[in-house]
Amino acid sequence: ATASKRVSVGELVSHQLSHNNLSDIESNLSV
């Protein structure tokens, strides 16, 4: 899907990152 440009790398990764609470979001944004 990424190679065929249907999904960007950002979309692929962002769907896998946890963002269930503030701590998750702070951790992801810090990285």
Full PDB file with SEQRES, HELIX, SHEET, SSBOND, CRYST1, ORIGX, SCALE, CONECT and MASTER records, all heavy atoms in Angstrom:
SEQRES   1 A   31  ALA THR ALA SER LYS ARG VAL SER VAL GLY GLU LEU VAL          
SEQRES   2 A   31  SER HIS GLN LEU SER HIS ASN ASN LEU SER ASP ILE GLU          
SEQRES   3 A   31  SER ASN LEU SER VAL                                          
HELIX    1 AA1 VAL A    9  SER A   14  1                                   6    
HELIX    2 AA2 LEU A   22  SER A   30  1                                   9    
CRYST1    1.000    1.000    1.000  90.00  90.00  90.00 P 1           1          
ORIGX1      1.000000  0.000000  0.000000        0.00000                         
ORIGX2      0.000000  1.000000  0.000000        0.00000                         
ORIGX3      0.000000  0.000000  1.000000        0.00000                         
SCALE1      1.000000  0.000000  0.000000        0.00000                         
SCALE2      0.000000  1.000000  0.000000        0.00000                         
SCALE3      0.000000  0.000000  1.000000        0.00000                         
ATOM      1  N   ALA A   1       0.834  -1.208   0.000  1.00  0.00           N  
ATOM      2  CA  ALA A   1       0.000   0.000   0.000  1.00  0.00           C  
ATOM      3  C   ALA A   1       0.870   1.259   0.000  1.00  0.00           C  
ATOM      4  O   ALA A   1       0.548   2.233  -0.673  1.00  0.00           O  
ATOM      5  CB  ALA A   1      -0.928   0.001   1.216  1.00  0.00           C  
ATOM      6  N   THR A   2       1.968   1.216   0.718  1.00  0.00           N  
ATOM      7  CA  THR A   2       2.874   2.362   0.756  1.00  0.00           C  
ATOM      8  C   THR A   2       3.579   2.526  -0.586  1.00  0.00           C  
ATOM      9  O   THR A   2       3.687   3.644  -1.109  1.00  0.00           O  
ATOM     10  CB  THR A   2       3.918   2.193   1.887  1.00  0.00           C  
ATOM     11  OG1 THR A   2       3.228   2.002   3.124  1.00  0.00           O  
ATOM     12  CG2 THR A   2       4.790   3.419   2.008  1.00  0.00           C  
ATOM     13  N   ALA A   3       4.059   1.442  -1.148  1.00  0.00           N  
ATOM     14  CA  ALA A   3       4.762   1.498  -2.429  1.00  0.00           C  
ATOM     15  C   ALA A   3       3.856   1.974  -3.551  1.00  0.00           C  
ATOM     16  O   ALA A   3       4.294   2.684  -4.457  1.00  0.00           O  
ATOM     17  CB  ALA A   3       5.354   0.132  -2.770  1.00  0.00           C  
ATOM     18  N   SER A   4       2.586   1.610  -3.497  1.00  0.00           N  
ATOM     19  CA  SER A   4       1.649   2.022  -4.544  1.00  0.00           C  
ATOM     20  C   SER A   4       1.032   3.389  -4.270  1.00  0.00           C  
ATOM     21  O   SER A   4       0.123   3.806  -4.968  1.00  0.00           O  
ATOM     22  CB  SER A   4       0.555   0.962  -4.720  1.00  0.00           C  
ATOM     23  OG  SER A   4      -0.224   0.893  -3.549  1.00  0.00           O  
ATOM     24  N   LYS A   5       1.524   4.066  -3.235  1.00  0.00           N  
ATOM     25  CA  LYS A   5       1.120   5.438  -2.888  1.00  0.00           C  
ATOM     26  C   LYS A   5      -0.338   5.546  -2.432  1.00  0.00           C  
ATOM     27  O   LYS A   5      -0.913   6.609  -2.446  1.00  0.00           O  
ATOM     28  CB  LYS A   5       1.356   6.406  -4.055  1.00  0.00           C  
ATOM     29  CG  LYS A   5       2.743   6.348  -4.633  1.00  0.00           C  
ATOM     30  CD  LYS A   5       3.651   7.296  -3.926  1.00  0.00           C  
ATOM     31  CE  LYS A   5       4.932   7.430  -4.727  1.00  0.00           C  
ATOM     32  NZ  LYS A   5       6.111   7.259  -4.000  1.00  0.00           N  
ATOM     33  N   ARG A   6      -0.944   4.418  -2.033  1.00  0.00           N  
ATOM     34  CA  ARG A   6      -2.289   4.473  -1.471  1.00  0.00           C  
ATOM     35  C   ARG A   6      -2.253   4.906  -0.010  1.00  0.00           C  
ATOM     36  O   ARG A   6      -3.229   5.428   0.506  1.00  0.00           O  
ATOM     37  CB  ARG A   6      -2.982   3.121  -1.591  1.00  0.00           C  
ATOM     38  CG  ARG A   6      -3.337   2.760  -3.028  1.00  0.00           C  
ATOM     39  CD  ARG A   6      -4.009   1.436  -3.067  1.00  0.00           C  
ATOM     40  NE  ARG A   6      -3.092   0.459  -2.436  1.00  0.00           N  
ATOM     41  CZ  ARG A   6      -3.308  -0.831  -2.353  1.00  0.00           C  
ATOM     42  NH1 ARG A   6      -4.402  -1.340  -2.832  1.00  0.00           N  
ATOM     43  NH2 ARG A   6      -2.442  -1.633  -1.787  1.00  0.00           N  
ATOM     44  N   VAL A   7      -1.143   4.641   0.637  1.00  0.00           N  
ATOM     45  CA  VAL A   7      -0.952   4.978   2.041  1.00  0.00           C  
ATOM     46  C   VAL A   7       0.434   5.592   2.187  1.00  0.00           C  
ATOM     47  O   VAL A   7       1.407   5.060   1.655  1.00  0.00           O  
ATOM     48  CB  VAL A   7      -1.049   3.712   2.943  1.00  0.00           C  
ATOM     49  CG1 VAL A   7      -0.718   4.033   4.382  1.00  0.00           C  
ATOM     50  CG2 VAL A   7      -2.413   3.080   2.827  1.00  0.00           C  
ATOM     51  N   SER A   8       0.514   6.715   2.910  1.00  0.00           N  
ATOM     52  CA  SER A   8       1.822   7.331   3.121  1.00  0.00           C  
ATOM     53  C   SER A   8       2.517   6.659   4.312  1.00  0.00           C  
ATOM     54  O   SER A   8       1.877   5.985   5.123  1.00  0.00           O  
ATOM     55  CB  SER A   8       1.673   8.826   3.390  1.00  0.00           C  
ATOM     56  OG  SER A   8       1.115   9.050   4.673  1.00  0.00           O  
ATOM     57  N   VAL A   9       3.810   6.862   4.417  1.00  0.00           N  
ATOM     58  CA  VAL A   9       4.556   6.335   5.563  1.00  0.00           C  
ATOM     59  C   VAL A   9       3.979   6.913   6.849  1.00  0.00           C  
ATOM     60  O   VAL A   9       3.802   6.210   7.847  1.00  0.00           O  
ATOM     61  CB  VAL A   9       6.063   6.647   5.437  1.00  0.00           C  
ATOM     62  CG1 VAL A   9       6.809   6.250   6.701  1.00  0.00           C  
ATOM     63  CG2 VAL A   9       6.649   5.959   4.219  1.00  0.00           C  
ATOM     64  N   GLY A  10       3.638   8.190   6.829  1.00  0.00           N  
ATOM     65  CA  GLY A  10       3.061   8.828   8.006  1.00  0.00           C  
ATOM     66  C   GLY A  10       1.748   8.187   8.421  1.00  0.00           C  
ATOM     67  O   GLY A  10       1.490   7.974   9.601  1.00  0.00           O  
ATOM     68  N   GLU A  11       0.898   7.864   7.437  1.00  0.00           N  
ATOM     69  CA  GLU A  11      -0.375   7.200   7.751  1.00  0.00           C  
ATOM     70  C   GLU A  11      -0.128   5.812   8.338  1.00  0.00           C  
ATOM     71  O   GLU A  11      -0.752   5.425   9.332  1.00  0.00           O  
ATOM     72  CB  GLU A  11      -1.240   7.079   6.495  1.00  0.00           C  
ATOM     73  CG  GLU A  11      -1.821   8.386   6.034  1.00  0.00           C  
ATOM     74  CD  GLU A  11      -2.494   8.268   4.679  1.00  0.00           C  
ATOM     75  OE1 GLU A  11      -1.902   7.695   3.743  1.00  0.00           O  
ATOM     76  OE2 GLU A  11      -3.628   8.771   4.571  1.00  0.00           O  
ATOM     77  N   LEU A  12       0.783   5.091   7.729  1.00  0.00           N  
ATOM     78  CA  LEU A  12       1.091   3.738   8.176  1.00  0.00           C  
ATOM     79  C   LEU A  12       1.573   3.741   9.625  1.00  0.00           C  
ATOM     80  O   LEU A  12       1.089   2.977  10.453  1.00  0.00           O  
ATOM     81  CB  LEU A  12       2.152   3.126   7.259  1.00  0.00           C  
ATOM     82  CG  LEU A  12       2.629   1.727   7.582  1.00  0.00           C  
ATOM     83  CD1 LEU A  12       1.488   0.741   7.392  1.00  0.00           C  
ATOM     84  CD2 LEU A  12       3.802   1.368   6.689  1.00  0.00           C  
ATOM     85  N   VAL A  13       2.495   4.621   9.939  1.00  0.00           N  
ATOM     86  CA  VAL A  13       3.060   4.674  11.290  1.00  0.00           C  
ATOM     87  C   VAL A  13       2.058   5.247  12.286  1.00  0.00           C  
ATOM     88  O   VAL A  13       1.874   4.710  13.379  1.00  0.00           O  
ATOM     89  CB  VAL A  13       4.370   5.483  11.302  1.00  0.00           C  
ATOM     90  CG1 VAL A  13       4.854   5.725  12.724  1.00  0.00           C  
ATOM     91  CG2 VAL A  13       5.436   4.777  10.485  1.00  0.00           C  
ATOM     92  N   SER A  14       1.391   6.327  11.926  1.00  0.00           N  
ATOM     93  CA  SER A  14       0.495   6.986  12.884  1.00  0.00           C  
ATOM     94  C   SER A  14      -0.640   6.086  13.344  1.00  0.00           C  
ATOM     95  O   SER A  14      -1.090   6.187  14.484  1.00  0.00           O  
ATOM     96  CB  SER A  14      -0.052   8.294  12.312  1.00  0.00           C  
ATOM     97  OG  SER A  14      -0.876   8.059  11.198  1.00  0.00           O  
ATOM     98  N   HIS A  15      -1.080   5.175  12.489  1.00  0.00           N  
ATOM     99  CA  HIS A  15      -2.151   4.252  12.887  1.00  0.00           C  
ATOM    100  C   HIS A  15      -1.657   3.202  13.877  1.00  0.00           C  
ATOM    101  O   HIS A  15      -2.455   2.558  14.548  1.00  0.00           O  
ATOM    102  CB  HIS A  15      -2.777   3.573  11.669  1.00  0.00           C  
ATOM    103  CG  HIS A  15      -3.724   4.467  10.948  1.00  0.00           C  
ATOM    104  ND1 HIS A  15      -4.989   4.730  11.413  1.00  0.00           N  
ATOM    105  CD2 HIS A  15      -3.584   5.184   9.813  1.00  0.00           C  
ATOM    106  CE1 HIS A  15      -5.595   5.574  10.599  1.00  0.00           C  
ATOM    107  NE2 HIS A  15      -4.764   5.859   9.612  1.00  0.00           N  
ATOM    108  N   GLN A  16      -0.351   3.041  13.963  1.00  0.00           N  
ATOM    109  CA  GLN A  16       0.197   2.056  14.893  1.00  0.00           C  
ATOM    110  C   GLN A  16       0.605   2.660  16.232  1.00  0.00           C  
ATOM    111  O   GLN A  16       0.804   1.926  17.196  1.00  0.00           O  
ATOM    112  CB  GLN A  16       1.413   1.375  14.259  1.00  0.00           C  
ATOM    113  CG  GLN A  16       1.049   0.545  13.059  1.00  0.00           C  
ATOM    114  CD  GLN A  16       2.248  -0.197  12.539  1.00  0.00           C  
ATOM    115  OE1 GLN A  16       2.962  -0.836  13.301  1.00  0.00           O  
ATOM    116  NE2 GLN A  16       2.469  -0.116  11.243  1.00  0.00           N  
ATOM    117  N   LEU A  17       0.733   3.970  16.283  1.00  0.00           N  
ATOM    118  CA  LEU A  17       1.140   4.610  17.533  1.00  0.00           C  
ATOM    119  C   LEU A  17      -0.049   4.690  18.494  1.00  0.00           C  
ATOM    120  O   LEU A  17      -1.148   5.064  18.105  1.00  0.00           O  
ATOM    121  CB  LEU A  17       1.677   6.019  17.261  1.00  0.00           C  
ATOM    122  CG  LEU A  17       2.948   6.102  16.435  1.00  0.00           C  
ATOM    123  CD1 LEU A  17       3.324   7.561  16.209  1.00  0.00           C  
ATOM    124  CD2 LEU A  17       4.090   5.351  17.102  1.00  0.00           C  
ATOM    125  N   SER A  18       0.208   4.345  19.732  1.00  0.00           N  
ATOM    126  CA  SER A  18      -0.834   4.421  20.747  1.00  0.00           C  
ATOM    127  C   SER A  18      -1.066   5.880  21.121  1.00  0.00           C  
ATOM    128  O   SER A  18      -0.122   6.653  21.264  1.00  0.00           O  
ATOM    129  CB  SER A  18      -0.394   3.625  21.977  1.00  0.00           C  
ATOM    130  OG  SER A  18      -1.366   3.697  22.981  1.00  0.00           O  
ATOM    131  N   HIS A  19      -2.323   6.261  21.258  1.00  0.00           N  
ATOM    132  CA  HIS A  19      -2.673   7.610  21.712  1.00  0.00           C  
ATOM    133  C   HIS A  19      -3.947   7.550  22.546  1.00  0.00           C  
ATOM    134  O   HIS A  19      -4.883   8.309  22.361  1.00  0.00           O  
ATOM    135  CB  HIS A  19      -2.799   8.595  20.532  1.00  0.00           C  
ATOM    136  CG  HIS A  19      -3.599   8.071  19.386  1.00  0.00           C  
ATOM    137  ND1 HIS A  19      -3.025   7.482  18.306  1.00  0.00           N  
ATOM    138  CD2 HIS A  19      -4.930   8.016  19.180  1.00  0.00           C  
ATOM    139  CE1 HIS A  19      -3.971   7.100  17.463  1.00  0.00           C  
ATOM    140  NE2 HIS A  19      -5.133   7.411  17.976  1.00  0.00           N  
ATOM    141  N   ASN A  20      -3.920   6.597  23.485  1.00  0.00           N  
ATOM    142  CA  ASN A  20      -5.077   6.377  24.345  1.00  0.00           C  
ATOM    143  C   ASN A  20      -5.144   7.322  25.535  1.00  0.00           C  
ATOM    144  O   ASN A  20      -6.172   7.404  26.191  1.00  0.00           O  
ATOM    145  CB  ASN A  20      -5.090   4.937  24.869  1.00  0.00           C  
ATOM    146  CG  ASN A  20      -5.316   3.952  23.747  1.00  0.00           C  
ATOM    147  OD1 ASN A  20      -6.127   4.201  22.871  1.00  0.00           O  
ATOM    148  ND2 ASN A  20      -4.585   2.861  23.771  1.00  0.00           N  
ATOM    149  N   ASN A  21      -4.045   7.990  25.831  1.00  0.00           N  
ATOM    150  CA  ASN A  21      -4.014   8.893  26.972  1.00  0.00           C  
ATOM    151  C   ASN A  21      -2.961   9.978  26.726  1.00  0.00           C  
ATOM    152  O   ASN A  21      -2.212   9.919  25.751  1.00  0.00           O  
ATOM    153  CB  ASN A  21      -3.746   8.129  28.271  1.00  0.00           C  
ATOM    154  CG  ASN A  21      -2.490   7.289  28.193  1.00  0.00           C  
ATOM    155  OD1 ASN A  21      -1.429   7.780  27.842  1.00  0.00           O  
ATOM    156  ND2 ASN A  21      -2.609   6.006  28.514  1.00  0.00           N  
ATOM    157  N   LEU A  22      -2.914  10.930  27.609  1.00  0.00           N  
ATOM    158  CA  LEU A  22      -1.993  12.048  27.453  1.00  0.00           C  
ATOM    159  C   LEU A  22      -0.539  11.590  27.466  1.00  0.00           C  
ATOM    160  O   LEU A  22       0.275  12.096  26.697  1.00  0.00           O  
ATOM    161  CB  LEU A  22      -2.237  13.085  28.550  1.00  0.00           C  
ATOM    162  CG  LEU A  22      -1.398  14.352  28.483  1.00  0.00           C  
ATOM    163  CD1 LEU A  22      -1.597  15.079  27.154  1.00  0.00           C  
ATOM    164  CD2 LEU A  22      -1.730  15.267  29.652  1.00  0.00           C  
ATOM    165  N   SER A  23      -0.229  10.627  28.281  1.00  0.00           N  
ATOM    166  CA  SER A  23       1.137  10.121  28.358  1.00  0.00           C  
ATOM    167  C   SER A  23       1.599   9.543  27.012  1.00  0.00           C  
ATOM    168  O   SER A  23       2.735   9.764  26.589  1.00  0.00           O  
ATOM    169  CB  SER A  23       1.231   9.059  29.454  1.00  0.00           C  
ATOM    170  OG  SER A  23       2.517   8.544  29.537  1.00  0.00           O  
ATOM    171  N   ASP A  24       0.721   8.794  26.335  1.00  0.00           N  
ATOM    172  CA  ASP A  24       1.046   8.252  25.006  1.00  0.00           C  
ATOM    173  C   ASP A  24       1.353   9.377  24.023  1.00  0.00           C  
ATOM    174  O   ASP A  24       2.334   9.324  23.274  1.00  0.00           O  
ATOM    175  CB  ASP A  24      -0.119   7.429  24.444  1.00  0.00           C  
ATOM    176  CG  ASP A  24      -0.316   6.094  25.121  1.00  0.00           C  
ATOM    177  OD1 ASP A  24       0.580   5.639  25.847  1.00  0.00           O  
ATOM    178  OD2 ASP A  24      -1.397   5.499  24.913  1.00  0.00           O  
ATOM    179  N   ILE A  25       0.506  10.383  24.015  1.00  0.00           N  
ATOM    180  CA  ILE A  25       0.679  11.498  23.079  1.00  0.00           C  
ATOM    181  C   ILE A  25       1.965  12.251  23.370  1.00  0.00           C  
ATOM    182  O   ILE A  25       2.735  12.570  22.457  1.00  0.00           O  
ATOM    183  CB  ILE A  25      -0.546  12.431  23.128  1.00  0.00           C  
ATOM    184  CG1 ILE A  25      -1.765  11.699  22.569  1.00  0.00           C  
ATOM    185  CG2 ILE A  25      -0.291  13.725  22.353  1.00  0.00           C  
ATOM    186  CD1 ILE A  25      -3.074  12.402  22.773  1.00  0.00           C  
ATOM    187  N   GLU A  26       2.226  12.523  24.638  1.00  0.00           N  
ATOM    188  CA  GLU A  26       3.453  13.231  25.014  1.00  0.00           C  
ATOM    189  C   GLU A  26       4.684  12.432  24.625  1.00  0.00           C  
ATOM    190  O   GLU A  26       5.664  12.986  24.115  1.00  0.00           O  
ATOM    191  CB  GLU A  26       3.460  13.522  26.516  1.00  0.00           C  
ATOM    192  CG  GLU A  26       2.460  14.576  26.920  1.00  0.00           C  
ATOM    193  CD  GLU A  26       2.367  14.772  28.419  1.00  0.00           C  
ATOM    194  OE1 GLU A  26       2.724  13.842  29.196  1.00  0.00           O  
ATOM    195  OE2 GLU A  26       1.910  15.847  28.823  1.00  0.00           O  
ATOM    196  N   SER A  27       4.638  11.136  24.821  1.00  0.00           N  
ATOM    197  CA  SER A  27       5.760  10.275  24.464  1.00  0.00           C  
ATOM    198  C   SER A  27       5.989  10.268  22.949  1.00  0.00           C  
ATOM    199  O   SER A  27       7.124  10.426  22.474  1.00  0.00           O  
ATOM    200  CB  SER A  27       5.497   8.857  24.969  1.00  0.00           C  
ATOM    201  OG  SER A  27       6.519   7.992  24.571  1.00  0.00           O  
ATOM    202  N   ASN A  28       4.918  10.094  22.181  1.00  0.00           N  
ATOM    203  CA  ASN A  28       5.037  10.074  20.716  1.00  0.00           C  
ATOM    204  C   ASN A  28       5.564  11.399  20.179  1.00  0.00           C  
ATOM    205  O   ASN A  28       6.448  11.428  19.317  1.00  0.00           O  
ATOM    206  CB  ASN A  28       3.689   9.767  20.078  1.00  0.00           C  
ATOM    207  CG  ASN A  28       3.218   8.362  20.361  1.00  0.00           C  
ATOM    208  OD1 ASN A  28       4.001   7.465  20.659  1.00  0.00           O  
ATOM    209  ND2 ASN A  28       1.919   8.155  20.297  1.00  0.00           N  
ATOM    210  N   LEU A  29       5.033  12.509  20.676  1.00  0.00           N  
ATOM    211  CA  LEU A  29       5.478  13.817  20.202  1.00  0.00           C  
ATOM    212  C   LEU A  29       6.912  14.110  20.630  1.00  0.00           C  
ATOM    213  O   LEU A  29       7.671  14.739  19.888  1.00  0.00           O  
ATOM    214  CB  LEU A  29       4.529  14.918  20.665  1.00  0.00           C  
ATOM    215  CG  LEU A  29       3.188  14.936  19.943  1.00  0.00           C  
ATOM    216  CD1 LEU A  29       2.253  15.965  20.559  1.00  0.00           C  
ATOM    217  CD2 LEU A  29       3.370  15.202  18.454  1.00  0.00           C  
ATOM    218  N   SER A  30       7.304  13.641  21.807  1.00  0.00           N  
ATOM    219  CA  SER A  30       8.689  13.825  22.249  1.00  0.00           C  
ATOM    220  C   SER A  30       9.650  13.127  21.296  1.00  0.00           C  
ATOM    221  O   SER A  30      10.693  13.677  20.931  1.00  0.00           O  
ATOM    222  CB  SER A  30       8.883  13.293  23.679  1.00  0.00           C  
ATOM    223  OG  SER A  30       8.190  14.098  24.610  1.00  0.00           O  
ATOM    224  N   VAL A  31       9.291  11.914  20.868  1.00  0.00           N  
ATOM    225  CA  VAL A  31      10.135  11.183  19.915  1.00  0.00           C  
ATOM    226  C   VAL A  31      10.169  11.919  18.578  1.00  0.00           C  
ATOM    227  O   VAL A  31      11.243  12.194  18.035  1.00  0.00           O  
ATOM    228  CB  VAL A  31       9.641   9.731  19.730  1.00  0.00           C  
ATOM    229  CG1 VAL A  31      10.332   9.068  18.542  1.00  0.00           C  
ATOM    230  CG2 VAL A  31       9.870   8.915  20.996  1.00  0.00           C  
TER     231      VAL A  31                                                      
MASTER        0    0    0    2    0    0    0    6  230    1    0    3          
END                                                                             
